Amino acid sequence: MAYASASRAVLVRSSDAEQALAAATNARAAEQAERFLAKSKAPNTVRAYTADWKHFAEWCTDAARHSLPATPETVALYLSDLAATHKASTLRRRLTTIGKAHELDGYDNPTRHSLVQDVFDGIRRELGFLQHGKTPLLSDDIRALLDVQPGDLTGLRNRSLILVGFSGAFRRSELIGIAIADIQWVPDGLIVLVRRSKTDQHGEGMKKAIPYGQQPETCPVRSLRAWLDALGETSGPVFRSITKTGRISDRALSDRSVALIIKESALKAGLDPTLYAGHSLRSGFATQAAISGASERSIIRQGGWASEKMARRYIRDASLFRDNAADSLGL
């Protein structure tokens, strides 16, 4: 790509003195930008923004260019240099981070410049723009993951985490944020108070009802009750880390741990672990519920999706084989 060649030429022309000046300038800019970004979004989003901004600032240092404020030419060259090794969806997120940092610091947003947009549009046409999300876990997959859990405390916790995460359509951050005090036991099952989520940054909270399952071995309510009985605590986080010696920590699992539990369970169940992560529980809920005939409204309500567009993507994919005209071909 011509843009990539141009960006590499910029790197070659950069002198040591220019790089040293850029490094000092970008270090100050990075610290300032990260401080502003940290106040604007949810923790997971902040981590993504911070990583993206660090990458951009380091690239600018190598190219002897300023990261804050950055010129449209700098951003355009950055995009083109990454096009050969990054997905278009990743580049779009990087643009969001760069633009947000500039706006929060009072600078014009260089990502809105026509030069940047033209370069990005060219990259999208060349690479395509299909986003590859993690594969949803359906009910049969959930049973497979449950079947490979060990018969100890770790297995008891994992079973509960998988079933509660799936039936409640929880985000990873919501799942690890559940405290024992947030659970209300009712005749029909249980109600979980989600105190804070990605779409509820002001902590207004929302309640999710989880009913008893049809089968005892796959019932999220019974599974959670068994785990809490083994935990033996009346306060603190529900889902906690467990040492190799079987000691239960008083600290909650990390969101990365949720992903690892899913991946490790998938591997043991004979599934490709690269296809699954923590989000597979949430997307799997929407997909399976749609396949089973649940209404779009009830799916969106349980998942707490702020954007109906995202939930409808799972629902649409699940409906591809329902009322399919190809069934009438008589083949």
Protein backbone atom coordinates (compact mmCIF):
# COMPACT_ATOMS: atom_id res chain seq x y z
CA MET A 1 0.00 0.00 0.00
CA ALA A 2 1.33 3.47 -0.90
CA TYR A 3 0.38 4.86 2.49
CA ALA A 4 2.42 2.22 4.29
CA SER A 5 5.47 2.95 2.13
CA ALA A 6 5.17 6.65 2.91
CA SER A 7 4.98 5.98 6.65
CA ARG A 8 8.07 3.78 6.59
CA ALA A 9 9.94 6.54 4.76
CA VAL A 10 9.03 8.92 7.57
CA LEU A 11 10.55 6.54 10.09
CA VAL A 12 13.78 6.26 8.13
CA ARG A 13 14.20 10.03 7.90
CA SER A 14 13.79 10.56 11.64
CA SER A 15 17.03 11.66 13.33
CA ASP A 16 18.11 10.74 16.85
CA ALA A 17 17.71 14.35 18.01
CA GLU A 18 14.21 14.56 16.62
CA GLN A 19 13.28 11.28 18.26
CA ALA A 20 14.62 12.44 21.61
CA LEU A 21 12.55 15.63 21.42
CA ALA A 22 9.46 13.72 20.37
CA ALA A 23 9.96 11.18 23.14
CA ALA A 24 10.06 13.87 25.82
CA THR A 25 7.05 15.68 24.37
CA ASN A 26 5.02 12.51 23.91
CA ALA A 27 5.79 11.26 27.41
CA ARG A 28 4.26 14.42 28.89
CA ALA A 29 1.36 14.26 26.46
CA ALA A 30 0.70 10.60 27.21
CA GLU A 31 0.53 11.20 30.94
CA GLN A 32 -1.86 14.11 30.47
CA ALA A 33 -4.04 12.29 27.95
CA GLU A 34 -4.30 9.15 30.09
CA ARG A 35 -5.36 11.25 33.08
CA PHE A 36 -8.22 12.76 31.10
CA LEU A 37 -9.22 9.45 29.55
CA ALA A 38 -9.33 7.75 32.95
CA LYS A 39 -12.11 10.06 34.06
CA SER A 40 -14.36 9.54 31.08
CA LYS A 41 -15.18 5.85 30.74
CA ALA A 42 -15.73 2.47 32.42
CA PRO A 43 -12.62 0.65 33.78
CA ASN A 44 -12.42 -1.83 30.89
CA THR A 45 -12.78 0.97 28.37
CA VAL A 46 -10.12 3.00 30.18
CA ARG A 47 -7.70 0.07 29.94
CA ALA A 48 -8.35 -0.23 26.21
CA TYR A 49 -7.94 3.54 25.73
CA THR A 50 -4.72 3.56 27.72
CA ALA A 51 -3.21 0.70 25.72
CA ASP A 52 -4.27 2.31 22.44
CA TRP A 53 -2.87 5.69 23.41
CA LYS A 54 0.43 4.18 24.56
CA HIS A 55 0.80 2.46 21.21
CA PHE A 56 0.10 5.67 19.29
CA ALA A 57 2.46 7.74 21.47
CA GLU A 58 5.28 5.22 21.03
CA TRP A 59 4.74 5.18 17.27
CA CYS A 60 4.91 8.97 17.22
CA THR A 61 8.15 8.90 19.18
CA ASP A 62 9.72 6.51 16.69
CA ALA A 63 8.52 8.72 13.84
CA ALA A 64 9.70 11.93 15.60
CA ARG A 65 6.18 13.32 15.53
CA HIS A 66 4.01 14.84 18.26
CA SER A 67 1.16 12.76 19.59
CA LEU A 68 -0.72 15.59 21.33
CA PRO A 69 -1.62 17.57 19.39
CA ALA A 70 -1.15 15.33 16.38
CA THR A 71 -1.60 16.53 12.83
CA PRO A 72 -4.00 14.77 10.46
CA GLU A 73 -0.96 13.69 8.43
CA THR A 74 0.52 11.98 11.51
CA VAL A 75 -2.71 10.08 12.17
CA ALA A 76 -3.06 9.12 8.50
CA LEU A 77 0.49 7.76 8.41
CA TYR A 78 -0.10 5.87 11.65
CA LEU A 79 -3.17 4.16 10.20
CA SER A 80 -1.46 3.21 6.98
CA ASP A 81 1.56 1.82 8.79
CA LEU A 82 -0.68 -0.45 10.88
CA ALA A 83 -2.99 -1.52 8.06
CA ALA A 84 -0.90 -4.55 7.12
CA THR A 85 -0.96 -6.04 10.63
CA HIS A 86 -4.19 -4.84 12.27
CA LYS A 87 -7.89 -5.31 11.64
CA ALA A 88 -9.95 -2.37 10.46
CA SER A 89 -12.04 -2.64 13.63
CA THR A 90 -8.89 -2.20 15.75
CA LEU A 91 -7.87 0.84 13.72
CA ARG A 92 -11.29 2.37 14.21
CA ARG A 93 -10.93 1.97 17.98
CA ARG A 94 -7.50 3.58 17.84
CA LEU A 95 -9.04 6.54 16.01
CA THR A 96 -11.65 6.87 18.74
CA THR A 97 -8.93 6.94 21.40
CA ILE A 98 -6.84 9.52 19.56
CA GLY A 99 -9.83 11.74 18.95
CA LYS A 100 -11.07 11.49 22.53
CA ALA A 101 -7.66 12.42 23.94
CA HIS A 102 -7.49 15.52 21.77
CA GLU A 103 -11.02 16.66 22.58
CA LEU A 104 -10.54 16.20 26.33
CA ASP A 105 -7.38 18.30 26.20
CA GLY A 106 -9.04 21.07 24.20
CA TYR A 107 -7.44 20.37 20.82
CA ASP A 108 -9.12 19.94 17.44
CA ASN A 109 -9.84 16.33 16.69
CA PRO A 110 -7.46 15.31 13.87
CA THR A 111 -9.34 12.08 13.20
CA ARG A 112 -12.22 14.07 11.68
CA HIS A 113 -10.01 15.53 8.98
CA SER A 114 -10.85 14.42 5.44
CA LEU A 115 -7.32 13.10 4.94
CA VAL A 116 -7.66 10.70 7.87
CA GLN A 117 -11.15 9.64 6.81
CA ASP A 118 -10.04 9.02 3.23
CA VAL A 119 -7.12 6.88 4.37
CA PHE A 120 -9.33 4.92 6.74
CA ASP A 121 -11.98 4.39 4.05
CA GLY A 122 -9.27 3.05 1.74
CA ILE A 123 -8.08 0.65 4.41
CA ARG A 124 -11.61 -0.57 5.02
CA ARG A 125 -12.15 -1.25 1.33
CA GLU A 126 -8.89 -3.19 1.15
CA LEU A 127 -9.22 -5.18 4.37
CA GLY A 128 -12.97 -5.41 4.71
CA PHE A 129 -14.83 -4.43 7.84
CA LEU A 130 -16.32 -7.64 9.20
CA GLN A 131 -15.89 -7.72 12.97
CA HIS A 132 -14.95 -11.15 14.27
CA GLY A 133 -16.41 -11.48 17.75
CA LYS A 134 -16.11 -14.48 20.02
CA THR A 135 -18.36 -17.44 19.29
CA PRO A 136 -21.57 -17.60 21.37
CA LEU A 137 -21.93 -20.52 23.78
CA LEU A 138 -25.27 -22.25 23.29
CA SER A 139 -27.05 -24.52 25.76
CA ASP A 140 -25.40 -27.71 24.47
CA ASP A 141 -22.00 -26.02 24.74
CA ILE A 142 -22.78 -24.94 28.30
CA ARG A 143 -23.58 -28.55 29.23
CA ALA A 144 -20.29 -29.64 27.68
CA LEU A 145 -18.40 -27.07 29.76
CA LEU A 146 -20.18 -28.18 32.92
CA ASP A 147 -19.39 -31.84 32.28
CA VAL A 148 -15.62 -31.25 32.39
CA GLN A 149 -15.55 -29.37 35.69
CA PRO A 150 -13.63 -31.07 38.50
CA GLY A 151 -15.42 -32.33 41.57
CA ASP A 152 -13.81 -29.83 43.95
CA LEU A 153 -14.30 -26.21 45.04
CA THR A 154 -12.94 -24.90 41.76
CA GLY A 155 -15.42 -26.99 39.82
CA LEU A 156 -18.26 -25.88 42.08
CA ARG A 157 -17.35 -22.23 41.54
CA ASN A 158 -16.88 -22.64 37.79
CA ARG A 159 -20.23 -24.35 37.35
CA SER A 160 -21.98 -21.55 39.19
CA LEU A 161 -20.11 -18.84 37.32
CA ILE A 162 -20.91 -20.37 33.93
CA LEU A 163 -24.60 -20.95 34.67
CA VAL A 164 -25.21 -17.58 36.34
CA GLY A 165 -23.23 -15.74 33.66
CA PHE A 166 -25.16 -17.47 30.89
CA SER A 167 -28.69 -17.25 32.31
CA GLY A 168 -28.20 -13.65 33.46
CA ALA A 169 -26.50 -12.49 30.25
CA PHE A 170 -23.90 -10.80 32.42
CA ARG A 171 -20.94 -8.84 31.18
CA ARG A 172 -17.68 -10.05 32.71
CA SER A 173 -17.36 -6.91 34.84
CA GLU A 174 -20.91 -7.36 36.12
CA LEU A 175 -20.35 -11.02 36.92
CA ILE A 176 -17.23 -10.51 39.01
CA GLY A 177 -18.83 -7.47 40.64
CA ILE A 178 -21.69 -9.46 42.22
CA ALA A 179 -21.54 -9.38 46.01
CA ILE A 180 -23.35 -11.77 48.34
CA ALA A 181 -25.41 -8.83 49.61
CA ASP A 182 -26.62 -8.22 46.04
CA ILE A 183 -28.49 -11.53 45.90
CA GLN A 184 -32.13 -11.84 46.90
CA TRP A 185 -33.60 -15.33 47.15
CA VAL A 186 -37.24 -15.54 46.06
CA PRO A 187 -39.67 -18.46 45.50
CA ASP A 188 -39.17 -18.36 41.72
CA GLY A 189 -35.38 -18.24 41.87
CA LEU A 190 -33.14 -15.29 42.69
CA ILE A 191 -32.72 -11.61 41.88
CA VAL A 192 -29.29 -10.07 41.38
CA LEU A 193 -28.73 -6.37 41.87
CA VAL A 194 -26.20 -5.12 39.33
CA ARG A 195 -24.86 -2.04 41.07
CA ARG A 196 -22.78 -0.74 38.18
CA SER A 197 -22.29 -1.74 34.57
CA LYS A 198 -20.83 -0.49 31.31
CA THR A 199 -24.09 1.27 30.45
CA ASP A 200 -24.78 2.47 34.00
CA GLN A 201 -21.74 4.49 35.03
CA HIS A 202 -23.70 6.53 37.59
CA GLY A 203 -24.51 3.45 39.65
CA GLU A 204 -28.28 3.63 39.44
CA GLY A 205 -28.36 -0.16 39.35
CA MET A 206 -30.58 -2.71 37.68
CA LYS A 207 -32.09 -6.02 38.77
CA LYS A 208 -31.83 -9.31 36.91
CA ALA A 209 -34.12 -12.21 37.71
CA ILE A 210 -32.75 -15.73 37.31
CA PRO A 211 -35.38 -18.50 37.53
CA TYR A 212 -34.88 -22.10 38.57
CA GLY A 213 -33.64 -24.33 35.75
CA GLN A 214 -35.62 -27.26 34.39
CA GLN A 215 -32.86 -29.74 35.29
CA PRO A 216 -31.15 -29.74 38.72
CA GLU A 217 -27.69 -30.33 37.20
CA THR A 218 -27.97 -27.24 34.97
CA CYS A 219 -29.94 -25.01 37.32
CA PRO A 220 -28.17 -21.68 37.96
CA VAL A 221 -30.08 -21.07 41.19
CA ARG A 222 -29.21 -24.44 42.76
CA SER A 223 -25.64 -24.15 41.51
CA LEU A 224 -25.14 -20.73 43.07
CA ARG A 225 -26.68 -21.92 46.35
CA ALA A 226 -24.26 -24.87 46.45
CA TRP A 227 -21.27 -22.61 45.81
CA LEU A 228 -22.27 -20.09 48.46
CA ASP A 229 -22.84 -22.89 50.99
CA ALA A 230 -19.32 -24.12 50.30
CA LEU A 231 -17.97 -20.58 50.47
CA GLY A 232 -19.46 -20.15 53.93
CA GLU A 233 -19.40 -16.35 53.82
CA THR A 234 -22.18 -13.83 54.37
CA SER A 235 -20.50 -10.85 52.72
CA GLY A 236 -17.94 -10.00 50.08
CA PRO A 237 -17.67 -11.01 46.42
CA VAL A 238 -19.45 -14.11 45.17
CA PHE A 239 -16.95 -15.35 42.63
CA ARG A 240 -13.46 -15.51 44.14
CA SER A 241 -10.08 -16.85 43.19
CA ILE A 242 -8.99 -20.22 44.57
CA THR A 243 -5.38 -21.25 45.16
CA LYS A 244 -3.92 -24.53 43.92
CA THR A 245 -4.09 -25.80 47.49
CA GLY A 246 -7.83 -25.15 47.60
CA ARG A 247 -7.83 -21.99 49.71
CA ILE A 248 -10.56 -19.54 48.75
CA SER A 249 -9.39 -15.95 48.52
CA ASP A 250 -11.36 -13.00 49.86
CA ARG A 251 -10.79 -11.19 46.56
CA ALA A 252 -13.03 -11.31 43.51
CA LEU A 253 -11.92 -12.93 40.29
CA SER A 254 -10.60 -10.60 37.62
CA ASP A 255 -12.43 -10.21 34.33
CA ARG A 256 -9.48 -11.91 32.63
CA SER A 257 -9.94 -14.90 34.93
CA VAL A 258 -13.49 -15.31 33.65
CA ALA A 259 -12.18 -15.51 30.09
CA LEU A 260 -9.54 -18.04 31.12
CA ILE A 261 -12.11 -20.23 32.88
CA ILE A 262 -14.21 -20.31 29.71
CA LYS A 263 -11.21 -21.02 27.47
CA GLU A 264 -9.82 -23.75 29.71
CA SER A 265 -13.24 -25.37 30.01
CA ALA A 266 -13.72 -25.22 26.24
CA LEU A 267 -10.36 -26.90 25.69
CA LYS A 268 -11.23 -29.73 28.09
CA ALA A 269 -14.61 -30.13 26.37
CA GLY A 270 -12.96 -30.56 22.98
CA LEU A 271 -13.89 -27.11 21.69
CA ASP A 272 -11.49 -24.63 20.10
CA PRO A 273 -10.55 -22.30 23.00
CA THR A 274 -9.56 -19.49 20.64
CA LEU A 275 -13.19 -19.09 19.63
CA TYR A 276 -14.52 -18.45 23.13
CA ALA A 277 -14.11 -15.94 25.92
CA GLY A 278 -16.09 -14.39 28.75
CA HIS A 279 -18.37 -12.56 26.32
CA SER A 280 -19.43 -15.91 24.85
CA LEU A 281 -21.77 -16.36 27.83
CA ARG A 282 -23.56 -13.08 27.16
CA SER A 283 -23.76 -13.43 23.38
CA GLY A 284 -24.69 -17.07 23.82
CA PHE A 285 -27.65 -16.12 26.00
CA ALA A 286 -29.05 -13.81 23.31
CA THR A 287 -28.46 -16.33 20.53
CA GLN A 288 -29.91 -19.32 22.39
CA ALA A 289 -32.89 -17.35 23.69
CA ALA A 290 -33.70 -16.22 20.15
CA ILE A 291 -33.38 -19.78 18.83
CA SER A 292 -35.75 -20.95 21.58
CA GLY A 293 -38.34 -18.34 20.62
CA ALA A 294 -37.92 -15.73 23.36
CA SER A 295 -39.16 -12.27 22.44
CA GLU A 296 -36.69 -9.63 21.36
CA ARG A 297 -37.92 -7.36 24.15
CA SER A 298 -37.26 -9.94 26.89
CA ILE A 299 -33.80 -10.74 25.52
CA ILE A 300 -32.78 -7.08 25.49
CA ARG A 301 -34.22 -6.51 28.97
CA GLN A 302 -32.35 -9.42 30.54
CA GLY A 303 -29.07 -8.44 28.89
CA GLY A 304 -29.43 -4.77 29.72
CA TRP A 305 -28.26 -3.77 26.26
CA ALA A 306 -28.16 -0.02 25.83
CA SER A 307 -27.88 -0.49 22.08
CA GLU A 308 -30.65 -2.65 20.64
CA LYS A 309 -28.54 -2.92 17.48
CA MET A 310 -25.97 -5.16 19.19
CA ALA A 311 -28.56 -7.49 20.72
CA ARG A 312 -30.42 -7.70 17.41
CA ARG A 313 -27.23 -8.85 15.69
CA TYR A 314 -27.23 -11.99 17.83
CA ILE A 315 -30.97 -12.40 17.39
CA ARG A 316 -30.68 -12.02 13.62
CA ASP A 317 -27.90 -14.61 13.40
CA ALA A 318 -29.94 -17.04 15.48
CA SER A 319 -32.94 -16.61 13.15
CA LEU A 320 -31.13 -17.52 9.93
CA PHE A 321 -32.54 -21.06 9.93
CA ARG A 322 -35.99 -20.14 11.23
CA ASP A 323 -38.65 -19.59 8.58
CA ASN A 324 -35.96 -20.10 5.95
CA ALA A 325 -37.27 -20.11 2.36
CA ALA A 326 -34.70 -22.77 1.42
CA ASP A 327 -36.75 -25.27 3.45
CA SER A 328 -39.41 -25.13 0.75
CA LEU A 329 -37.14 -26.28 -2.07
CA GLY A 330 -37.78 -29.96 -1.48
CA LEU A 331 -34.14 -30.92 -1.69
